[in-house]
Structure formats: C-alpha cells, structure tokens
Amino acid sequence: YYESQWIERGLNIRYLKFRLPHGVALEESEEEIPLDSYR
C-alpha cells in the first residue's frame, strides 16, 4: 500500500539483495548520509 503512495509521488524504489554470513564481526560505517526530505 505504501509503495503505491511513493510511486505516485515520483519517488524511486530502491532494492538491495545481499548475503549475511556467520562468523564475521560486524561494524557500523562512520560515513555521514544526507537525510531524506521526509520521514
């Protein structure tokens, strides 16, 4: 339902597919990211 709202507003739909292996210590990136213009 919400996706149809985003598409009507002309927003791009983004998609990412990845694997999550075990046994790897995970770390957060420290890069700054521009905020969306809406929440």
All heavy atoms as atom14 arrays in JSON, in Angstrom:
{
  "sequence": "YYESQWIERGLNIRYLKFRLPHGVALEESEEEIPLDSYR",
  "atom14_mask": [
    [1, 1, 1, 1, 1, 1, 1, 1, 1, 1, 1, 1, 0, 0],
    [1, 1, 1, 1, 1, 1, 1, 1, 1, 1, 1, 1, 0, 0],
    [1, 1, 1, 1, 1, 1, 1, 1, 1, 0, 0, 0, 0, 0],
    [1, 1, 1, 1, 1, 1, 0, 0, 0, 0, 0, 0, 0, 0],
    [1, 1, 1, 1, 1, 1, 1, 1, 1, 0, 0, 0, 0, 0],
    [1, 1, 1, 1, 1, 1, 1, 1, 1, 1, 1, 1, 1, 1],
    [1, 1, 1, 1, 1, 1, 1, 1, 0, 0, 0, 0, 0, 0],
    [1, 1, 1, 1, 1, 1, 1, 1, 1, 0, 0, 0, 0, 0],
    [1, 1, 1, 1, 1, 1, 1, 1, 1, 1, 1, 0, 0, 0],
    [1, 1, 1, 1, 0, 0, 0, 0, 0, 0, 0, 0, 0, 0],
    [1, 1, 1, 1, 1, 1, 1, 1, 0, 0, 0, 0, 0, 0],
    [1, 1, 1, 1, 1, 1, 1, 1, 0, 0, 0, 0, 0, 0],
    [1, 1, 1, 1, 1, 1, 1, 1, 0, 0, 0, 0, 0, 0],
    [1, 1, 1, 1, 1, 1, 1, 1, 1, 1, 1, 0, 0, 0],
    [1, 1, 1, 1, 1, 1, 1, 1, 1, 1, 1, 1, 0, 0],
    [1, 1, 1, 1, 1, 1, 1, 1, 0, 0, 0, 0, 0, 0],
    [1, 1, 1, 1, 1, 1, 1, 1, 1, 0, 0, 0, 0, 0],
    [1, 1, 1, 1, 1, 1, 1, 1, 1, 1, 1, 0, 0, 0],
    [1, 1, 1, 1, 1, 1, 1, 1, 1, 1, 1, 0, 0, 0],
    [1, 1, 1, 1, 1, 1, 1, 1, 0, 0, 0, 0, 0, 0],
    [1, 1, 1, 1, 1, 1, 1, 0, 0, 0, 0, 0, 0, 0],
    [1, 1, 1, 1, 1, 1, 1, 1, 1, 1, 0, 0, 0, 0],
    [1, 1, 1, 1, 0, 0, 0, 0, 0, 0, 0, 0, 0, 0],
    [1, 1, 1, 1, 1, 1, 1, 0, 0, 0, 0, 0, 0, 0],
    [1, 1, 1, 1, 1, 0, 0, 0, 0, 0, 0, 0, 0, 0],
    [1, 1, 1, 1, 1, 1, 1, 1, 0, 0, 0, 0, 0, 0],
    [1, 1, 1, 1, 1, 1, 1, 1, 1, 0, 0, 0, 0, 0],
    [1, 1, 1, 1, 1, 1, 1, 1, 1, 0, 0, 0, 0, 0],
    [1, 1, 1, 1, 1, 1, 0, 0, 0, 0, 0, 0, 0, 0],
    [1, 1, 1, 1, 1, 1, 1, 1, 1, 0, 0, 0, 0, 0],
    [1, 1, 1, 1, 1, 1, 1, 1, 1, 0, 0, 0, 0, 0],
    [1, 1, 1, 1, 1, 1, 1, 1, 1, 0, 0, 0, 0, 0],
    [1, 1, 1, 1, 1, 1, 1, 1, 0, 0, 0, 0, 0, 0],
    [1, 1, 1, 1, 1, 1, 1, 0, 0, 0, 0, 0, 0, 0],
    [1, 1, 1, 1, 1, 1, 1, 1, 0, 0, 0, 0, 0, 0],
    [1, 1, 1, 1, 1, 1, 1, 1, 0, 0, 0, 0, 0, 0],
    [1, 1, 1, 1, 1, 1, 0, 0, 0, 0, 0, 0, 0, 0],
    [1, 1, 1, 1, 1, 1, 1, 1, 1, 1, 1, 1, 0, 0],
    [1, 1, 1, 1, 1, 1, 1, 1, 1, 1, 1, 0, 0, 0]
  ],
  "atom14_positions": [
    [[0.84, -1.2, 0.0], [0.0, 0.0, 0.0], [0.87, 1.25, 0.0], [0.65, 2.18, -0.77], [-0.9, -0.01, 1.24], [-1.59, 1.31, 1.49], [-2.72, 1.69, 0.76], [-1.11, 2.19, 2.46], [-3.35, 2.91, 0.99], [-1.73, 3.41, 2.7], [-2.85, 3.76, 1.96], [-3.47, 4.96, 2.19], [0.0, 0.0, 0.0], [0.0, 0.0, 0.0]],
    [[1.89, 1.26, 0.85], [2.75, 2.44, 0.95], [3.6, 2.63, -0.3], [3.87, 3.75, -0.71], [3.63, 2.35, 2.2], [2.83, 2.53, 3.46], [2.53, 1.45, 4.28], [2.34, 3.78, 3.82], [1.78, 1.61, 5.43], [1.57, 3.95, 4.96], [1.3, 2.87, 5.77], [0.53, 3.04, 6.89], [0.0, 0.0, 0.0], [0.0, 0.0, 0.0]],
    [[4.0, 1.53, -0.92], [4.8, 1.66, -2.14], [4.03, 2.41, -3.21], [4.59, 3.24, -3.93], [5.23, 0.29, -2.65], [6.1, 0.35, -3.88], [6.64, -1.0, -4.29], [6.32, -2.01, -3.63], [7.4, -1.05, -5.28], [0.0, 0.0, 0.0], [0.0, 0.0, 0.0], [0.0, 0.0, 0.0], [0.0, 0.0, 0.0], [0.0, 0.0, 0.0]],
    [[2.75, 2.12, -3.34], [1.94, 2.82, -4.34], [1.92, 4.32, -4.07], [1.88, 5.14, -5.0], [0.52, 2.26, -4.38], [-0.17, 2.52, -3.16], [0.0, 0.0, 0.0], [0.0, 0.0, 0.0], [0.0, 0.0, 0.0], [0.0, 0.0, 0.0], [0.0, 0.0, 0.0], [0.0, 0.0, 0.0], [0.0, 0.0, 0.0], [0.0, 0.0, 0.0]],
    [[1.95, 4.69, -2.76], [1.98, 6.1, -2.41], [3.3, 6.75, -2.84], [3.33, 7.86, -3.38], [1.82, 6.27, -0.89], [0.6, 5.6, -0.29], [-0.71, 6.22, -0.78], [-0.76, 7.42, -1.03], [-1.73, 5.41, -0.92], [0.0, 0.0, 0.0], [0.0, 0.0, 0.0], [0.0, 0.0, 0.0], [0.0, 0.0, 0.0], [0.0, 0.0, 0.0]],
    [[4.41, 6.03, -2.62], [5.71, 6.58, -3.0], [5.8, 6.75, -4.52], [6.3, 7.76, -5.01], [6.85, 5.67, -2.54], [6.83, 5.26, -1.1], [7.01, 4.01, -0.6], [6.63, 6.1, 0.05], [6.93, 4.02, 0.76], [6.7, 5.29, 1.19], [6.4, 7.47, 0.22], [6.55, 5.78, 2.48], [6.24, 7.96, 1.51], [6.32, 7.14, 2.61]],
    [[5.32, 5.74, -5.26], [5.4, 5.8, -6.72], [4.57, 6.97, -7.24], [4.99, 7.69, -8.16], [4.93, 4.47, -7.33], [5.94, 3.36, -6.97], [4.8, 4.58, -8.84], [5.51, 1.98, -7.38], [0.0, 0.0, 0.0], [0.0, 0.0, 0.0], [0.0, 0.0, 0.0], [0.0, 0.0, 0.0], [0.0, 0.0, 0.0], [0.0, 0.0, 0.0]],
    [[3.39, 7.2, -6.65], [2.55, 8.32, -7.06], [3.27, 9.65, -6.85], [3.05, 10.61, -7.6], [1.23, 8.31, -6.27], [0.25, 7.26, -6.75], [-1.06, 7.34, -5.99], [-1.26, 8.35, -5.25], [-1.88, 6.43, -6.12], [0.0, 0.0, 0.0], [0.0, 0.0, 0.0], [0.0, 0.0, 0.0], [0.0, 0.0, 0.0], [0.0, 0.0, 0.0]],
    [[4.12, 9.7, -5.84], [4.87, 10.94, -5.56], [6.12, 11.05, -6.43], [6.86, 12.02, -6.34], [5.28, 10.97, -4.08], [4.11, 11.08, -3.14], [4.57, 11.08, -1.69], [5.38, 12.25, -1.37], [5.98, 12.43, -0.2], [5.86, 11.52, 0.75], [6.69, 13.51, 0.02], [0.0, 0.0, 0.0], [0.0, 0.0, 0.0], [0.0, 0.0, 0.0]],
    [[6.36, 10.05, -7.27], [7.51, 10.09, -8.17], [8.82, 9.7, -7.53], [9.89, 10.0, -8.07], [0.0, 0.0, 0.0], [0.0, 0.0, 0.0], [0.0, 0.0, 0.0], [0.0, 0.0, 0.0], [0.0, 0.0, 0.0], [0.0, 0.0, 0.0], [0.0, 0.0, 0.0], [0.0, 0.0, 0.0], [0.0, 0.0, 0.0], [0.0, 0.0, 0.0]],
    [[8.75, 9.0, -6.39], [9.97, 8.59, -5.71], [10.52, 7.29, -6.29], [9.76, 6.4, -6.65], [9.7, 8.4, -4.22], [9.23, 9.63, -3.44], [8.9, 9.27, -2.01], [10.3, 10.72, -3.47], [0.0, 0.0, 0.0], [0.0, 0.0, 0.0], [0.0, 0.0, 0.0], [0.0, 0.0, 0.0], [0.0, 0.0, 0.0], [0.0, 0.0, 0.0]],
    [[11.83, 7.19, -6.37], [12.46, 5.96, -6.83], [12.31, 4.86, -5.78], [12.38, 5.12, -4.58], [13.95, 6.16, -7.09], [14.22, 7.01, -8.31], [13.29, 7.41, -9.02], [15.48, 7.32, -8.54], [0.0, 0.0, 0.0], [0.0, 0.0, 0.0], [0.0, 0.0, 0.0], [0.0, 0.0, 0.0], [0.0, 0.0, 0.0], [0.0, 0.0, 0.0]],
    [[12.11, 3.64, -6.25], [12.11, 2.49, -5.37], [13.46, 1.82, -5.49], [13.91, 1.47, -6.58], [10.98, 1.5, -5.74], [9.62, 2.23, -5.72], [10.98, 0.32, -4.79], [9.26, 2.88, -4.41], [0.0, 0.0, 0.0], [0.0, 0.0, 0.0], [0.0, 0.0, 0.0], [0.0, 0.0, 0.0], [0.0, 0.0, 0.0], [0.0, 0.0, 0.0]],
    [[14.12, 1.63, -4.36], [15.47, 1.07, -4.32], [15.42, -0.36, -3.8], [14.58, -0.68, -2.96], [16.38, 1.94, -3.47], [16.54, 3.35, -4.01], [17.05, 4.33, -2.97], [17.42, 5.61, -3.55], [16.57, 6.61, -3.77], [15.28, 6.46, -3.47], [16.98, 7.74, -4.32], [0.0, 0.0, 0.0], [0.0, 0.0, 0.0], [0.0, 0.0, 0.0]],
    [[16.34, -1.18, -4.28], [16.35, -2.6, -3.88], [17.78, -3.08, -3.73], [18.64, -2.79, -4.56], [15.61, -3.43, -4.92], [15.7, -4.92, -4.69], [15.13, -5.53, -3.58], [16.36, -5.74, -5.62], [15.22, -6.91, -3.37], [16.45, -7.1, -5.42], [15.87, -7.69, -4.31], [15.96, -9.04, -4.12], [0.0, 0.0, 0.0], [0.0, 0.0, 0.0]],
    [[18.03, -3.81, -2.64], [19.35, -4.38, -2.35], [19.17, -5.8, -1.84], [18.36, -6.03, -0.94], [20.08, -3.52, -1.3], [21.44, -4.03, -0.8], [22.45, -4.08, -1.94], [21.94, -3.12, 0.32], [0.0, 0.0, 0.0], [0.0, 0.0, 0.0], [0.0, 0.0, 0.0], [0.0, 0.0, 0.0], [0.0, 0.0, 0.0], [0.0, 0.0, 0.0]],
    [[19.92, -6.72, -2.42], [19.85, -8.13, -2.04], [21.27, -8.59, -1.71], [22.17, -8.49, -2.56], [19.27, -8.95, -3.2], [19.2, -10.45, -2.97], [18.64, -11.13, -4.23], [18.54, -12.63, -4.08], [18.03, -13.27, -5.33], [0.0, 0.0, 0.0], [0.0, 0.0, 0.0], [0.0, 0.0, 0.0], [0.0, 0.0, 0.0], [0.0, 0.0, 0.0]],
    [[21.47, -9.08, -0.48], [22.82, -9.48, -0.08], [22.76, -10.69, 0.84], [21.71, -11.05, 1.38], [23.54, -8.32, 0.61], [22.88, -7.82, 1.87], [23.25, -8.29, 3.12], [21.89, -6.84, 1.81], [22.66, -7.83, 4.29], [21.28, -6.36, 2.98], [21.67, -6.85, 4.21], [0.0, 0.0, 0.0], [0.0, 0.0, 0.0], [0.0, 0.0, 0.0]],
    [[23.93, -11.32, 0.99], [24.05, -12.48, 1.89], [24.6, -12.04, 3.24], [25.39, -11.1, 3.33], [24.95, -13.55, 1.28], [24.37, -14.22, 0.04], [25.15, -15.46, -0.36], [24.59, -16.08, -1.55], [23.56, -16.91, -1.54], [22.99, -17.24, -0.39], [23.12, -17.44, -2.67], [0.0, 0.0, 0.0], [0.0, 0.0, 0.0], [0.0, 0.0, 0.0]],
    [[24.2, -12.77, 4.29], [24.66, -12.48, 5.64], [25.4, -13.71, 6.19], [24.78, -14.6, 6.76], [23.48, -12.12, 6.54], [23.8, -11.72, 7.98], [24.72, -10.51, 8.0], [22.52, -11.44, 8.75], [0.0, 0.0, 0.0], [0.0, 0.0, 0.0], [0.0, 0.0, 0.0], [0.0, 0.0, 0.0], [0.0, 0.0, 0.0], [0.0, 0.0, 0.0]],
    [[26.72, -13.75, 6.02], [27.49, -14.9, 6.52], [27.62, -14.87, 8.04], [27.53, -13.82, 8.67], [28.86, -14.71, 5.86], [28.7, -13.63, 4.85], [27.56, -12.8, 5.31], [0.0, 0.0, 0.0], [0.0, 0.0, 0.0], [0.0, 0.0, 0.0], [0.0, 0.0, 0.0], [0.0, 0.0, 0.0], [0.0, 0.0, 0.0], [0.0, 0.0, 0.0]],
    [[27.87, -16.03, 8.61], [28.17, -16.13, 10.04], [29.67, -15.9, 10.25], [30.46, -15.9, 9.32], [27.79, -17.5, 10.57], [26.32, -17.77, 10.55], [25.76, -18.94, 11.01], [25.26, -17.01, 10.13], [24.45, -18.9, 10.88], [24.12, -17.74, 10.33], [0.0, 0.0, 0.0], [0.0, 0.0, 0.0], [0.0, 0.0, 0.0], [0.0, 0.0, 0.0]],
    [[30.05, -15.73, 11.51], [31.47, -15.73, 11.87], [32.25, -14.51, 11.46], [33.48, -14.52, 11.46], [0.0, 0.0, 0.0], [0.0, 0.0, 0.0], [0.0, 0.0, 0.0], [0.0, 0.0, 0.0], [0.0, 0.0, 0.0], [0.0, 0.0, 0.0], [0.0, 0.0, 0.0], [0.0, 0.0, 0.0], [0.0, 0.0, 0.0], [0.0, 0.0, 0.0]],
    [[31.56, -13.43, 11.1], [32.24, -12.19, 10.72], [31.83, -11.1, 11.71], [30.64, -10.87, 11.92], [31.85, -11.75, 9.29], [32.55, -10.44, 8.93], [32.2, -12.84, 8.29], [0.0, 0.0, 0.0], [0.0, 0.0, 0.0], [0.0, 0.0, 0.0], [0.0, 0.0, 0.0], [0.0, 0.0, 0.0], [0.0, 0.0, 0.0], [0.0, 0.0, 0.0]],
    [[32.8, -10.45, 12.34], [32.5, -9.36, 13.27], [31.97, -8.17, 12.47], [32.65, -7.65, 11.59], [33.75, -8.98, 14.05], [0.0, 0.0, 0.0], [0.0, 0.0, 0.0], [0.0, 0.0, 0.0], [0.0, 0.0, 0.0], [0.0, 0.0, 0.0], [0.0, 0.0, 0.0], [0.0, 0.0, 0.0], [0.0, 0.0, 0.0], [0.0, 0.0, 0.0]],
    [[30.75, -7.74, 12.76], [30.11, -6.67, 12.0], [30.41, -5.3, 12.61], [30.4, -5.13, 13.83], [28.6, -6.89, 11.95], [28.15, -8.19, 11.28], [26.64, -8.32, 11.38], [28.6, -8.25, 9.84], [0.0, 0.0, 0.0], [0.0, 0.0, 0.0], [0.0, 0.0, 0.0], [0.0, 0.0, 0.0], [0.0, 0.0, 0.0], [0.0, 0.0, 0.0]],
    [[30.67, -4.32, 11.74], [30.98, -2.97, 12.18], [30.06, -1.97, 11.46], [29.69, -2.17, 10.31], [32.43, -2.61, 11.88], [33.45, -3.49, 12.58], [34.87, -3.1, 12.23], [35.07, -1.95, 11.74], [35.78, -3.91, 12.44], [0.0, 0.0, 0.0], [0.0, 0.0, 0.0], [0.0, 0.0, 0.0], [0.0, 0.0, 0.0], [0.0, 0.0, 0.0]],
    [[29.76, -0.89, 12.14], [28.97, 0.19, 11.54], [29.88, 1.11, 10.72], [31.04, 1.35, 11.09], [28.28, 1.02, 12.62], [27.11, 0.31, 13.29], [25.88, 0.25, 12.41], [25.65, 1.19, 11.62], [25.15, -0.76, 12.5], [0.0, 0.0, 0.0], [0.0, 0.0, 0.0], [0.0, 0.0, 0.0], [0.0, 0.0, 0.0], [0.0, 0.0, 0.0]],
    [[29.36, 1.63, 9.63], [30.08, 2.64, 8.86], [29.99, 3.97, 9.6], [29.0, 4.26, 10.27], [29.48, 2.78, 7.47], [30.0, 3.9, 6.8], [0.0, 0.0, 0.0], [0.0, 0.0, 0.0], [0.0, 0.0, 0.0], [0.0, 0.0, 0.0], [0.0, 0.0, 0.0], [0.0, 0.0, 0.0], [0.0, 0.0, 0.0], [0.0, 0.0, 0.0]],
    [[31.01, 4.79, 9.47], [31.03, 6.11, 10.11], [30.76, 7.24, 9.14], [30.89, 8.41, 9.48], [32.39, 6.32, 10.8], [32.64, 5.4, 11.98], [31.62, 5.61, 13.1], [31.32, 6.78, 13.41], [31.12, 4.6, 13.64], [0.0, 0.0, 0.0], [0.0, 0.0, 0.0], [0.0, 0.0, 0.0], [0.0, 0.0, 0.0], [0.0, 0.0, 0.0]],
    [[30.39, 6.91, 7.91], [30.15, 7.95, 6.91], [28.84, 8.68, 7.18], [27.85, 8.09, 7.61], [30.13, 7.33, 5.51], [31.46, 6.77, 5.06], [31.48, 6.43, 3.58], [30.9, 7.21, 2.79], [32.05, 5.39, 3.21], [0.0, 0.0, 0.0], [0.0, 0.0, 0.0], [0.0, 0.0, 0.0], [0.0, 0.0, 0.0], [0.0, 0.0, 0.0]],
    [[28.85, 9.98, 6.91], [27.66, 10.81, 7.04], [26.75, 10.59, 5.83], [27.23, 10.49, 4.69], [28.04, 12.28, 7.16], [28.78, 12.62, 8.44], [27.85, 12.75, 9.63], [26.62, 12.85, 9.42], [28.36, 12.74, 10.77], [0.0, 0.0, 0.0], [0.0, 0.0, 0.0], [0.0, 0.0, 0.0], [0.0, 0.0, 0.0], [0.0, 0.0, 0.0]],
    [[25.43, 10.56, 6.06], [24.47, 10.3, 4.99], [23.44, 11.42, 4.97], [22.89, 11.78, 6.02], [23.74, 8.96, 5.22], [24.75, 7.82, 5.42], [22.81, 8.65, 4.05], [24.12, 6.55, 5.93], [0.0, 0.0, 0.0], [0.0, 0.0, 0.0], [0.0, 0.0, 0.0], [0.0, 0.0, 0.0], [0.0, 0.0, 0.0], [0.0, 0.0, 0.0]],
    [[23.14, 12.0, 3.79], [22.09, 13.03, 3.72], [20.75, 12.47, 4.18], [20.37, 11.36, 3.83], [22.05, 13.39, 2.23], [23.38, 12.98, 1.7], [23.78, 11.76, 2.49], [0.0, 0.0, 0.0], [0.0, 0.0, 0.0], [0.0, 0.0, 0.0], [0.0, 0.0, 0.0], [0.0, 0.0, 0.0], [0.0, 0.0, 0.0], [0.0, 0.0, 0.0]],
    [[20.04, 13.26, 4.99], [18.73, 12.84, 5.46], [17.7, 12.9, 4.33], [17.82, 13.72, 3.43], [18.26, 13.73, 6.61], [19.1, 13.73, 7.88], [18.47, 14.65, 8.92], [19.25, 12.33, 8.45], [0.0, 0.0, 0.0], [0.0, 0.0, 0.0], [0.0, 0.0, 0.0], [0.0, 0.0, 0.0], [0.0, 0.0, 0.0], [0.0, 0.0, 0.0]],
    [[16.7, 12.03, 4.41], [15.58, 12.14, 3.49], [14.84, 13.45, 3.76], [14.88, 13.98, 4.88], [14.6, 10.97, 3.69], [15.2, 9.63, 3.29], [16.1, 9.62, 2.43], [14.77, 8.61, 3.86], [0.0, 0.0, 0.0], [0.0, 0.0, 0.0], [0.0, 0.0, 0.0], [0.0, 0.0, 0.0], [0.0, 0.0, 0.0], [0.0, 0.0, 0.0]],
    [[14.13, 13.95, 2.77], [13.37, 15.17, 2.96], [12.04, 14.91, 3.65], [11.25, 15.81, 3.88], [13.11, 15.84, 1.6], [12.41, 14.94, 0.75], [0.0, 0.0, 0.0], [0.0, 0.0, 0.0], [0.0, 0.0, 0.0], [0.0, 0.0, 0.0], [0.0, 0.0, 0.0], [0.0, 0.0, 0.0], [0.0, 0.0, 0.0], [0.0, 0.0, 0.0]],
    [[11.77, 13.65, 4.01], [10.56, 13.24, 4.71], [10.95, 12.08, 5.6], [11.97, 11.44, 5.41], [9.48, 12.8, 3.73], [9.93, 11.6, 2.93], [9.62, 10.31, 3.34], [10.75, 11.76, 1.81], [10.09, 9.22, 2.65], [11.23, 10.67, 1.12], [10.89, 9.4, 1.53], [11.38, 8.32, 0.86], [0.0, 0.0, 0.0], [0.0, 0.0, 0.0]],
    [[10.13, 11.76, 6.61], [10.4, 10.58, 7.42], [9.49, 9.43, 7.02], [9.87, 8.29, 7.0], [10.21, 10.88, 8.91], [10.76, 9.76, 9.79], [10.76, 10.14, 11.25], [9.46, 9.99, 11.85], [9.19, 10.31, 13.11], [10.11, 10.85, 13.87], [7.98, 10.14, 13.61], [0.0, 0.0, 0.0], [0.0, 0.0, 0.0], [0.0, 0.0, 0.0]]
  ]
}
